[in-house]
Amino acid sequence: MSNIVGILGGSFDPPHVGHMAMARAAKDTLGLDKVLLMPAPRPPHKEAEDLSSWEDRLKMVELACEGVDGVEVSRHELKTTGASYTVDMLQKYRELSDDTVYFIMGADSLRDLPGWHNPEKILEFVTIVVFPRDDVAPVLEVQGDASVVVFETPSIDVSSSDIRKNCRQGVSIESMVPGAVLEYILDNSLYTR
């Protein structure tokens, strides 16, 4: 039986309230059966030494998803060896399932899409769902047939890099991450250096 599934991928270092707002809004508005948060073990655009461990990032995503109906963590990318390219993940997902897939991202990711590995192929696999970010226009600059859904709200004005910076500077991140994720960050002294 096929489902209508949203996929929200990323390094999730850490997952924040913006990620969860996008997941819930896409699920509810588009009538998705579920949204899968897929942490990338080895994002190609990030240096390994700049990332928290895979185990820490996966645990934080699990905590963020707890109690959120229809939003769950996927370990699909755990089987990936080498860099975690979105196009490869989507192709493997498509081989394993006949689900209709909506790929969820912020306008900043849409802006960066031309620099991703084989972006034209990504457009063949999914409907792109874009959420606004401050000062970033939701413009698709990749050639090819594309199906794109653009949301006007919620505007995602929080970023994982801002959260890490605040932690290093001793600034509260309480409003930026789900409560269980905040506890995990504090208990494990993440992002303090």
N, C-alpha and C. Protein backbone atom coordinates (compact mmCIF):
# COMPACT_ATOMS: atom_id res chain seq x y z
N MET A 1 0.84 -1.19 0.00
CA MET A 1 0.00 0.00 0.00
C MET A 1 0.88 1.25 0.00
N SER A 2 0.62 2.14 -0.91
CA SER A 2 1.45 3.35 -0.98
C SER A 2 0.88 4.44 -0.08
N ASN A 3 1.79 5.25 0.40
CA ASN A 3 1.43 6.37 1.26
C ASN A 3 1.87 7.67 0.59
N ILE A 4 1.39 8.77 1.16
CA ILE A 4 1.89 10.09 0.77
C ILE A 4 2.78 10.54 1.91
N VAL A 5 4.07 10.65 1.61
CA VAL A 5 5.08 10.82 2.65
C VAL A 5 5.86 12.11 2.41
N GLY A 6 6.13 12.82 3.48
CA GLY A 6 7.04 13.96 3.43
C GLY A 6 8.39 13.52 3.96
N ILE A 7 9.44 13.98 3.34
CA ILE A 7 10.80 13.71 3.82
C ILE A 7 11.47 15.04 4.09
N LEU A 8 12.00 15.17 5.29
CA LEU A 8 12.77 16.35 5.67
C LEU A 8 14.15 15.84 6.08
N GLY A 9 15.13 16.10 5.23
CA GLY A 9 16.48 15.63 5.49
C GLY A 9 17.36 16.75 5.99
N GLY A 10 18.51 16.38 6.50
CA GLY A 10 19.46 17.39 6.95
C GLY A 10 20.44 16.81 7.93
N SER A 11 21.35 17.67 8.40
CA SER A 11 22.31 17.21 9.40
C SER A 11 21.69 17.23 10.80
N PHE A 12 20.68 18.07 11.01
CA PHE A 12 19.98 18.15 12.30
C PHE A 12 20.98 18.27 13.46
N ASP A 13 21.78 19.31 13.40
CA ASP A 13 22.84 19.50 14.40
C ASP A 13 22.72 20.86 15.07
N PRO A 14 21.67 21.06 15.90
CA PRO A 14 20.62 20.13 16.32
C PRO A 14 19.31 20.35 15.54
N PRO A 15 18.34 19.41 15.72
CA PRO A 15 16.99 19.67 15.21
C PRO A 15 16.37 20.81 16.02
N HIS A 16 15.60 21.66 15.36
CA HIS A 16 15.06 22.82 16.07
C HIS A 16 13.57 22.99 15.81
N VAL A 17 12.99 24.01 16.44
CA VAL A 17 11.54 24.22 16.34
C VAL A 17 11.11 24.52 14.91
N GLY A 18 11.99 25.08 14.10
CA GLY A 18 11.67 25.33 12.70
C GLY A 18 11.49 24.04 11.92
N HIS A 19 12.38 23.08 12.16
CA HIS A 19 12.22 21.76 11.51
C HIS A 19 10.86 21.16 11.85
N MET A 20 10.51 21.22 13.12
CA MET A 20 9.26 20.59 13.56
C MET A 20 8.05 21.35 13.03
N ALA A 21 8.14 22.68 12.95
CA ALA A 21 7.03 23.47 12.40
C ALA A 21 6.81 23.15 10.93
N MET A 22 7.91 23.00 10.17
CA MET A 22 7.78 22.63 8.76
C MET A 22 7.14 21.25 8.62
N ALA A 23 7.60 20.30 9.42
CA ALA A 23 7.07 18.93 9.33
C ALA A 23 5.57 18.90 9.63
N ARG A 24 5.17 19.57 10.71
CA ARG A 24 3.75 19.56 11.09
C ARG A 24 2.89 20.30 10.06
N ALA A 25 3.36 21.44 9.59
CA ALA A 25 2.57 22.22 8.62
C ALA A 25 2.42 21.46 7.31
N ALA A 26 3.48 20.83 6.84
CA ALA A 26 3.40 20.06 5.60
C ALA A 26 2.45 18.88 5.77
N LYS A 27 2.56 18.17 6.88
CA LYS A 27 1.70 17.01 7.12
C LYS A 27 0.23 17.42 7.15
N ASP A 28 -0.08 18.44 7.93
CA ASP A 28 -1.47 18.84 8.10
C ASP A 28 -2.05 19.48 6.83
N THR A 29 -1.31 20.36 6.20
CA THR A 29 -1.83 21.11 5.06
C THR A 29 -1.93 20.25 3.81
N LEU A 30 -0.94 19.39 3.59
CA LEU A 30 -0.91 18.58 2.38
C LEU A 30 -1.56 17.21 2.56
N GLY A 31 -2.01 16.91 3.78
CA GLY A 31 -2.66 15.64 4.04
C GLY A 31 -1.72 14.45 3.93
N LEU A 32 -0.48 14.64 4.35
CA LEU A 32 0.50 13.56 4.27
C LEU A 32 0.19 12.49 5.31
N ASP A 33 0.47 11.25 4.97
CA ASP A 33 0.30 10.16 5.93
C ASP A 33 1.32 10.26 7.06
N LYS A 34 2.53 10.68 6.71
CA LYS A 34 3.57 10.86 7.73
C LYS A 34 4.69 11.71 7.14
N VAL A 35 5.50 12.25 8.04
CA VAL A 35 6.70 12.97 7.65
C VAL A 35 7.88 12.26 8.30
N LEU A 36 8.88 11.94 7.49
CA LEU A 36 10.09 11.29 7.97
C LEU A 36 11.21 12.30 8.08
N LEU A 37 11.80 12.42 9.26
CA LEU A 37 13.00 13.22 9.43
C LEU A 37 14.19 12.29 9.22
N MET A 38 15.03 12.60 8.23
CA MET A 38 16.15 11.74 7.86
C MET A 38 17.47 12.45 8.12
N PRO A 39 18.09 12.19 9.27
CA PRO A 39 19.40 12.78 9.51
C PRO A 39 20.45 12.14 8.60
N ALA A 40 21.25 12.97 7.97
CA ALA A 40 22.30 12.49 7.07
C ALA A 40 23.55 12.15 7.87
N PRO A 41 24.01 10.90 7.78
CA PRO A 41 25.23 10.53 8.53
C PRO A 41 26.44 11.35 8.11
N ARG A 42 26.60 11.56 6.80
CA ARG A 42 27.77 12.28 6.29
C ARG A 42 27.33 13.28 5.22
N PRO A 43 26.78 14.43 5.64
CA PRO A 43 26.38 15.43 4.64
C PRO A 43 27.59 15.88 3.83
N PRO A 44 27.50 15.89 2.50
CA PRO A 44 28.67 16.19 1.67
C PRO A 44 29.17 17.63 1.82
N HIS A 45 28.31 18.54 2.28
CA HIS A 45 28.70 19.95 2.39
C HIS A 45 29.25 20.31 3.77
N LYS A 46 29.39 19.31 4.65
CA LYS A 46 29.88 19.60 6.00
C LYS A 46 31.12 18.76 6.28
N GLU A 47 32.07 19.35 6.97
CA GLU A 47 33.27 18.61 7.40
C GLU A 47 32.92 17.77 8.61
N ALA A 48 33.39 16.53 8.64
CA ALA A 48 33.05 15.60 9.72
C ALA A 48 33.41 16.17 11.09
N GLU A 49 34.54 16.88 11.16
CA GLU A 49 34.96 17.41 12.48
C GLU A 49 34.06 18.55 12.95
N ASP A 50 33.27 19.14 12.04
CA ASP A 50 32.37 20.22 12.41
C ASP A 50 31.01 19.70 12.86
N LEU A 51 30.77 18.40 12.72
CA LEU A 51 29.47 17.81 13.05
C LEU A 51 29.52 17.11 14.40
N SER A 52 28.38 17.15 15.10
CA SER A 52 28.23 16.31 16.27
C SER A 52 28.18 14.86 15.78
N SER A 53 28.37 13.93 16.68
CA SER A 53 28.38 12.52 16.29
C SER A 53 27.02 12.13 15.70
N TRP A 54 27.04 11.12 14.83
CA TRP A 54 25.81 10.58 14.26
C TRP A 54 24.86 10.15 15.38
N GLU A 55 25.40 9.51 16.41
CA GLU A 55 24.56 9.02 17.51
C GLU A 55 23.87 10.17 18.23
N ASP A 56 24.58 11.26 18.49
CA ASP A 56 23.97 12.41 19.15
C ASP A 56 22.89 13.04 18.28
N ARG A 57 23.16 13.19 17.00
CA ARG A 57 22.19 13.83 16.10
C ARG A 57 20.95 12.95 15.93
N LEU A 58 21.16 11.64 15.81
CA LEU A 58 20.03 10.72 15.68
C LEU A 58 19.18 10.75 16.95
N LYS A 59 19.81 10.73 18.12
CA LYS A 59 19.08 10.75 19.38
C LYS A 59 18.26 12.04 19.51
N MET A 60 18.86 13.17 19.11
CA MET A 60 18.12 14.43 19.22
C MET A 60 16.90 14.44 18.30
N VAL A 61 17.03 13.86 17.10
CA VAL A 61 15.89 13.79 16.19
C VAL A 61 14.81 12.88 16.79
N GLU A 62 15.22 11.77 17.37
CA GLU A 62 14.25 10.88 18.02
C GLU A 62 13.50 11.62 19.12
N LEU A 63 14.22 12.39 19.93
CA LEU A 63 13.60 13.15 21.01
C LEU A 63 12.65 14.22 20.47
N ALA A 64 13.06 14.88 19.38
CA ALA A 64 12.22 15.93 18.79
C ALA A 64 10.90 15.35 18.26
N CYS A 65 10.94 14.11 17.78
CA CYS A 65 9.75 13.48 17.20
C CYS A 65 8.81 12.86 18.23
N GLU A 66 9.31 12.65 19.45
CA GLU A 66 8.48 12.01 20.48
C GLU A 66 7.19 12.79 20.71
N GLY A 67 6.08 12.10 20.62
CA GLY A 67 4.79 12.71 20.90
C GLY A 67 4.23 13.58 19.79
N VAL A 68 4.92 13.64 18.65
CA VAL A 68 4.44 14.44 17.52
C VAL A 68 3.79 13.46 16.54
N ASP A 69 2.48 13.48 16.49
CA ASP A 69 1.72 12.52 15.69
C ASP A 69 2.08 12.61 14.20
N GLY A 70 2.46 11.48 13.61
CA GLY A 70 2.73 11.43 12.19
C GLY A 70 4.09 11.95 11.76
N VAL A 71 4.93 12.31 12.73
CA VAL A 71 6.30 12.76 12.42
C VAL A 71 7.24 11.79 13.11
N GLU A 72 8.11 11.17 12.33
CA GLU A 72 8.99 10.15 12.91
C GLU A 72 10.38 10.20 12.29
N VAL A 73 11.32 9.63 13.00
CA VAL A 73 12.70 9.58 12.51
C VAL A 73 12.85 8.37 11.60
N SER A 74 13.66 8.53 10.58
CA SER A 74 13.98 7.44 9.67
C SER A 74 15.48 7.18 9.73
N ARG A 75 15.84 5.92 9.78
CA ARG A 75 17.25 5.54 9.77
C ARG A 75 17.66 5.09 8.36
N HIS A 76 16.85 5.45 7.37
CA HIS A 76 17.08 5.03 5.99
C HIS A 76 18.51 5.35 5.55
N GLU A 77 19.00 6.53 5.90
CA GLU A 77 20.33 6.95 5.43
C GLU A 77 21.46 6.28 6.18
N LEU A 78 21.16 5.58 7.26
CA LEU A 78 22.20 4.89 8.01
C LEU A 78 22.92 3.87 7.14
N LYS A 79 22.23 3.35 6.13
CA LYS A 79 22.81 2.35 5.24
C LYS A 79 23.74 2.97 4.20
N THR A 80 23.80 4.29 4.17
CA THR A 80 24.61 4.99 3.18
C THR A 80 26.09 4.87 3.53
N THR A 81 26.89 4.57 2.53
CA THR A 81 28.34 4.60 2.73
C THR A 81 28.87 5.78 1.93
N GLY A 82 29.81 6.48 2.49
CA GLY A 82 30.32 7.67 1.82
C GLY A 82 29.40 8.86 2.08
N ALA A 83 29.50 9.86 1.21
CA ALA A 83 28.71 11.08 1.36
C ALA A 83 27.21 10.76 1.22
N SER A 84 26.40 11.47 1.97
CA SER A 84 24.94 11.26 1.98
C SER A 84 24.28 12.21 0.98
N TYR A 85 24.25 11.82 -0.28
CA TYR A 85 23.64 12.67 -1.30
C TYR A 85 22.13 12.47 -1.30
N THR A 86 21.40 13.58 -1.35
CA THR A 86 19.94 13.53 -1.35
C THR A 86 19.41 12.71 -2.52
N VAL A 87 19.98 12.90 -3.69
CA VAL A 87 19.49 12.18 -4.87
C VAL A 87 19.61 10.67 -4.70
N ASP A 88 20.71 10.22 -4.08
CA ASP A 88 20.90 8.78 -3.85
C ASP A 88 19.88 8.25 -2.85
N MET A 89 19.65 9.03 -1.78
CA MET A 89 18.67 8.62 -0.77
C MET A 89 17.28 8.52 -1.40
N LEU A 90 16.91 9.50 -2.21
CA LEU A 90 15.59 9.48 -2.83
C LEU A 90 15.45 8.34 -3.83
N GLN A 91 16.51 8.06 -4.56
CA GLN A 91 16.46 6.95 -5.52
C GLN A 91 16.28 5.62 -4.79
N LYS A 92 17.03 5.42 -3.69
CA LYS A 92 16.89 4.18 -2.92
C LYS A 92 15.49 4.08 -2.31
N TYR A 93 14.99 5.19 -1.81
CA TYR A 93 13.65 5.19 -1.22
C TYR A 93 12.62 4.79 -2.28
N ARG A 94 12.79 5.33 -3.47
CA ARG A 94 11.86 5.04 -4.56
C ARG A 94 11.91 3.57 -4.97
N GLU A 95 13.11 2.97 -4.92
CA GLU A 95 13.26 1.55 -5.25
C GLU A 95 12.57 0.65 -4.23
N LEU A 96 12.51 1.11 -2.99
CA LEU A 96 11.94 0.30 -1.91
C LEU A 96 10.46 0.54 -1.69
N SER A 97 9.91 1.59 -2.29
CA SER A 97 8.54 1.99 -1.98
C SER A 97 7.88 2.65 -3.17
N ASP A 98 6.56 2.53 -3.24
CA ASP A 98 5.84 3.27 -4.29
C ASP A 98 5.11 4.47 -3.69
N ASP A 99 5.61 4.95 -2.54
CA ASP A 99 5.03 6.13 -1.90
C ASP A 99 5.18 7.36 -2.81
N THR A 100 4.22 8.27 -2.70
CA THR A 100 4.35 9.59 -3.29
C THR A 100 5.14 10.43 -2.30
N VAL A 101 6.21 11.08 -2.77
CA VAL A 101 7.13 11.75 -1.85
C VAL A 101 7.13 13.26 -2.06
N TYR A 102 6.98 13.97 -0.96
CA TYR A 102 7.14 15.42 -0.91
C TYR A 102 8.44 15.68 -0.15
N PHE A 103 9.34 16.43 -0.76
CA PHE A 103 10.63 16.72 -0.12
C PHE A 103 10.57 18.13 0.46
N ILE A 104 10.70 18.23 1.77
CA ILE A 104 10.47 19.47 2.52
C ILE A 104 11.80 20.20 2.75
N MET A 105 11.80 21.50 2.49
CA MET A 105 13.02 22.29 2.71
C MET A 105 12.68 23.75 2.96
N GLY A 106 13.65 24.47 3.49
CA GLY A 106 13.52 25.91 3.64
C GLY A 106 13.94 26.60 2.35
N ALA A 107 13.57 27.86 2.21
CA ALA A 107 13.91 28.62 1.01
C ALA A 107 15.42 28.72 0.80
N ASP A 108 16.19 28.68 1.90
CA ASP A 108 17.65 28.72 1.77
C ASP A 108 18.18 27.46 1.09
N SER A 109 17.58 26.31 1.40
CA SER A 109 17.98 25.06 0.74
C SER A 109 17.59 25.08 -0.73
N LEU A 110 16.41 25.64 -1.03
CA LEU A 110 15.99 25.76 -2.43
C LEU A 110 16.98 26.63 -3.20
N ARG A 111 17.43 27.69 -2.58
CA ARG A 111 18.42 28.58 -3.19
C ARG A 111 19.71 27.82 -3.50
N ASP A 112 20.10 26.91 -2.59
CA ASP A 112 21.34 26.17 -2.73
C ASP A 112 21.22 24.93 -3.62
N LEU A 113 19.99 24.56 -3.98
CA LEU A 113 19.74 23.32 -4.72
C LEU A 113 20.59 23.16 -5.99
N PRO A 114 20.83 24.22 -6.78
CA PRO A 114 21.65 24.04 -7.98
C PRO A 114 23.05 23.47 -7.67
N GLY A 115 23.56 23.68 -6.48
CA GLY A 115 24.88 23.18 -6.11
C GLY A 115 24.86 21.76 -5.54
N TRP A 116 23.67 21.17 -5.39
CA TRP A 116 23.57 19.81 -4.87
C TRP A 116 23.95 18.82 -5.97
N HIS A 117 24.25 17.61 -5.57
CA HIS A 117 24.59 16.54 -6.51
C HIS A 117 23.35 16.14 -7.32
N ASN A 118 23.41 16.33 -8.64
CA ASN A 118 22.36 15.93 -9.58
C ASN A 118 20.98 16.48 -9.21
N PRO A 119 20.84 17.80 -9.10
CA PRO A 119 19.56 18.39 -8.67
C PRO A 119 18.40 18.13 -9.65
N GLU A 120 18.71 18.01 -10.94
CA GLU A 120 17.64 17.75 -11.92
C GLU A 120 16.95 16.42 -11.63
N LYS A 121 17.74 15.43 -11.21
CA LYS A 121 17.19 14.10 -10.91
C LYS A 121 16.30 14.17 -9.66
N ILE A 122 16.68 14.99 -8.68
CA ILE A 122 15.87 15.16 -7.47
C ILE A 122 14.47 15.61 -7.87
N LEU A 123 14.39 16.55 -8.81
CA LEU A 123 13.10 17.07 -9.25
C LEU A 123 12.22 15.99 -9.89
N GLU A 124 12.84 14.97 -10.47
CA GLU A 124 12.08 13.88 -11.08
C GLU A 124 11.43 12.99 -10.03
N PHE A 125 12.05 12.91 -8.86
CA PHE A 125 11.60 11.97 -7.83
C PHE A 125 10.51 12.50 -6.92
N VAL A 126 10.45 13.81 -6.73
CA VAL A 126 9.62 14.36 -5.64
C VAL A 126 8.90 15.63 -6.05
N THR A 127 7.92 15.99 -5.23
CA THR A 127 7.37 17.34 -5.22
C THR A 127 8.13 18.10 -4.14
N ILE A 128 8.67 19.24 -4.49
CA ILE A 128 9.42 20.07 -3.54
C ILE A 128 8.44 20.91 -2.73
N VAL A 129 8.60 20.92 -1.43
CA VAL A 129 7.78 21.74 -0.53
C VAL A 129 8.72 22.75 0.13
N VAL A 130 8.45 24.03 -0.07
CA VAL A 130 9.36 25.08 0.38
C VAL A 130 8.69 25.97 1.42
N PHE A 131 9.44 26.22 2.50
CA PHE A 131 8.98 27.14 3.55
C PHE A 131 9.84 28.39 3.53
N PRO A 132 9.21 29.55 3.82
CA PRO A 132 9.95 30.82 3.76
C PRO A 132 11.00 30.93 4.85
N ARG A 133 12.07 31.63 4.50
CA ARG A 133 13.09 32.03 5.47
C ARG A 133 13.29 33.53 5.28
N ASP A 134 13.63 34.19 6.37
CA ASP A 134 13.84 35.63 6.29
C ASP A 134 14.87 35.97 5.22
N ASP A 135 14.54 36.94 4.38
CA ASP A 135 15.46 37.50 3.40
C ASP A 135 15.92 36.51 2.32
N VAL A 136 15.20 35.39 2.13
CA VAL A 136 15.54 34.45 1.07
C VAL A 136 14.30 34.21 0.22
N ALA A 137 14.36 34.57 -1.05
CA ALA A 137 13.22 34.36 -1.94
C ALA A 137 13.14 32.89 -2.35
N PRO A 138 11.93 32.31 -2.36
CA PRO A 138 11.79 30.90 -2.75
C PRO A 138 11.82 30.75 -4.28
N VAL A 139 13.03 30.77 -4.84
CA VAL A 139 13.19 30.71 -6.29
C VAL A 139 13.92 29.42 -6.65
N LEU A 140 13.36 28.68 -7.61
CA LEU A 140 13.98 27.44 -8.09
C LEU A 140 14.79 27.76 -9.32
N GLU A 141 16.11 27.53 -9.24
CA GLU A 141 16.99 27.83 -10.37
C GLU A 141 17.62 26.56 -10.93
N VAL A 142 16.84 25.50 -11.00
CA VAL A 142 17.29 24.23 -11.58
C VAL A 142 16.43 23.96 -12.80
N GLN A 143 17.06 23.57 -13.91
CA GLN A 143 16.33 23.28 -15.13
C GLN A 143 15.60 21.95 -15.01
N GLY A 144 14.48 21.84 -15.68
CA GLY A 144 13.75 20.58 -15.70
C GLY A 144 12.34 20.76 -15.18
N ASP A 145 11.55 19.72 -15.39
CA ASP A 145 10.18 19.74 -14.89
C ASP A 145 10.20 19.64 -13.37
N ALA A 146 9.44 20.49 -12.74
CA ALA A 146 9.41 20.50 -11.28
C ALA A 146 8.00 20.72 -10.79
N SER A 147 7.68 20.06 -9.70
CA SER A 147 6.44 20.30 -9.00
C SER A 147 6.83 20.89 -7.65
N VAL A 148 6.39 22.13 -7.42
CA VAL A 148 6.82 22.84 -6.20
C VAL A 148 5.61 23.41 -5.49
N VAL A 149 5.56 23.21 -4.18
CA VAL A 149 4.54 23.81 -3.32
C VAL A 149 5.26 24.81 -2.43
N VAL A 150 4.83 26.07 -2.45
CA VAL A 150 5.47 27.11 -1.65
C VAL A 150 4.52 27.55 -0.55
N PHE A 151 4.97 27.43 0.69
CA PHE A 151 4.20 27.88 1.84
C PHE A 151 4.55 29.33 2.15
N GLU A 152 3.57 30.07 2.64
CA GLU A 152 3.83 31.45 3.06
C GLU A 152 4.12 31.52 4.56
N THR A 153 3.65 30.52 5.31
CA THR A 153 3.91 30.43 6.75
C THR A 153 4.09 28.95 7.10
N PRO A 154 4.73 28.61 8.18
CA PRO A 154 5.46 29.53 9.06
C PRO A 154 6.80 29.92 8.44
N SER A 155 7.24 31.12 8.76
CA SER A 155 8.57 31.57 8.34
C SER A 155 9.59 30.99 9.32
N ILE A 156 10.60 30.35 8.79
CA ILE A 156 11.59 29.68 9.63
C ILE A 156 12.73 30.65 9.90
N ASP A 157 12.77 31.20 11.11
CA ASP A 157 13.78 32.21 11.43
C ASP A 157 14.77 31.72 12.48
N VAL A 158 14.94 30.40 12.55
CA VAL A 158 15.92 29.81 13.46
C VAL A 158 16.80 28.88 12.64
N SER A 159 18.07 28.81 13.01
CA SER A 159 18.98 27.91 12.29
C SER A 159 19.83 27.14 13.30
N SER A 160 20.26 25.96 12.87
CA SER A 160 21.11 25.14 13.74
C SER A 160 22.43 25.85 14.04
N SER A 161 22.96 26.59 13.05
CA SER A 161 24.23 27.29 13.29
C SER A 161 24.06 28.38 14.34
N ASP A 162 22.91 29.08 14.36
CA ASP A 162 22.65 30.08 15.40
C ASP A 162 22.55 29.42 16.77
N ILE A 163 21.93 28.25 16.81
CA ILE A 163 21.80 27.53 18.09
C ILE A 163 23.18 27.15 18.62
N ARG A 164 24.03 26.61 17.76
CA ARG A 164 25.39 26.23 18.18
C ARG A 164 26.17 27.45 18.66
N LYS A 165 26.02 28.57 17.95
CA LYS A 165 26.71 29.81 18.32
C LYS A 165 26.22 30.30 19.69
N ASN A 166 24.90 30.28 19.90
CA ASN A 166 24.35 30.71 21.19
C ASN A 166 24.88 29.85 22.32
N CYS A 167 24.95 28.53 22.09
CA CYS A 167 25.47 27.63 23.13
C CYS A 167 26.91 27.99 23.49
N ARG A 168 27.74 28.24 22.48
CA ARG A 168 29.14 28.59 22.74
C ARG A 168 29.25 29.89 23.52
N GLN A 169 28.28 30.81 23.29
CA GLN A 169 28.33 32.12 23.94
C GLN A 169 27.53 32.16 25.25
N GLY A 170 26.94 31.03 25.63
CA GLY A 170 26.17 30.98 26.86
C GLY A 170 24.81 31.65 26.78
N VAL A 171 24.29 31.83 25.56
CA VAL A 171 22.98 32.45 25.35
C VAL A 171 21.91 31.35 25.33
N SER A 172 20.77 31.60 25.96
CA SER A 172 19.71 30.60 26.04
C SER A 172 19.20 30.20 24.66
N ILE A 173 18.95 28.89 24.51
CA ILE A 173 18.36 28.36 23.28
C ILE A 173 16.99 27.74 23.56
N GLU A 174 16.44 28.05 24.73
CA GLU A 174 15.21 27.41 25.18
C GLU A 174 14.07 27.53 24.18
N SER A 175 13.95 28.69 23.51
CA SER A 175 12.85 28.88 22.56
C SER A 175 13.17 28.33 21.17
N MET A 176 14.38 27.83 20.97
CA MET A 176 14.83 27.44 19.64
C MET A 176 14.75 25.94 19.36
N VAL A 177 14.69 25.14 20.42
CA VAL A 177 14.68 23.68 20.26
C VAL A 177 13.57 23.07 21.11
N PRO A 178 13.07 21.90 20.72
CA PRO A 178 12.09 21.22 21.58
C PRO A 178 12.70 20.94 22.95
N GLY A 179 11.86 20.89 23.98
CA GLY A 179 12.32 20.73 25.35
C GLY A 179 13.23 19.54 25.57
N ALA A 180 12.88 18.38 25.01
CA ALA A 180 13.69 17.17 25.21
C ALA A 180 15.05 17.31 24.54
N VAL A 181 15.10 18.03 23.43
CA VAL A 181 16.37 18.27 22.74
C VAL A 181 17.24 19.21 23.58
N LEU A 182 16.63 20.23 24.17
CA LEU A 182 17.37 21.14 25.06
C LEU A 182 18.00 20.36 26.20
N GLU A 183 17.22 19.49 26.83
CA GLU A 183 17.75 18.68 27.93
C GLU A 183 18.94 17.84 27.48
N TYR A 184 18.81 17.24 26.32
CA TYR A 184 19.89 16.38 25.81
C TYR A 184 21.16 17.21 25.55
N ILE A 185 20.99 18.39 24.95
CA ILE A 185 22.14 19.25 24.68
C ILE A 185 22.83 19.64 25.98
N LEU A 186 22.04 20.02 26.99
CA LEU A 186 22.62 20.43 28.27
C LEU A 186 23.25 19.26 29.00
N ASP A 187 22.56 18.12 29.02
CA ASP A 187 23.07 16.94 29.73
C ASP A 187 24.37 16.42 29.13
N ASN A 188 24.54 16.63 27.82
CA ASN A 188 25.72 16.11 27.14
C ASN A 188 26.74 17.19 26.76
N SER A 189 26.50 18.40 27.28
CA SER A 189 27.41 19.54 27.05
C SER A 189 27.76 19.72 25.57
N LEU A 190 26.75 19.60 24.72
CA LEU A 190 27.00 19.79 23.29
C LEU A 190 27.14 21.28 22.96
N TYR A 191 27.92 21.55 21.96
CA TYR A 191 28.09 22.90 21.38
C TYR A 191 28.69 23.91 22.35
N THR A 192 29.43 23.45 23.33
CA THR A 192 30.01 24.39 24.29
C THR A 192 31.38 24.90 23.84
N ARG A 193 31.96 24.28 22.81
CA ARG A 193 33.25 24.79 22.31
C ARG A 193 33.25 24.83 20.81
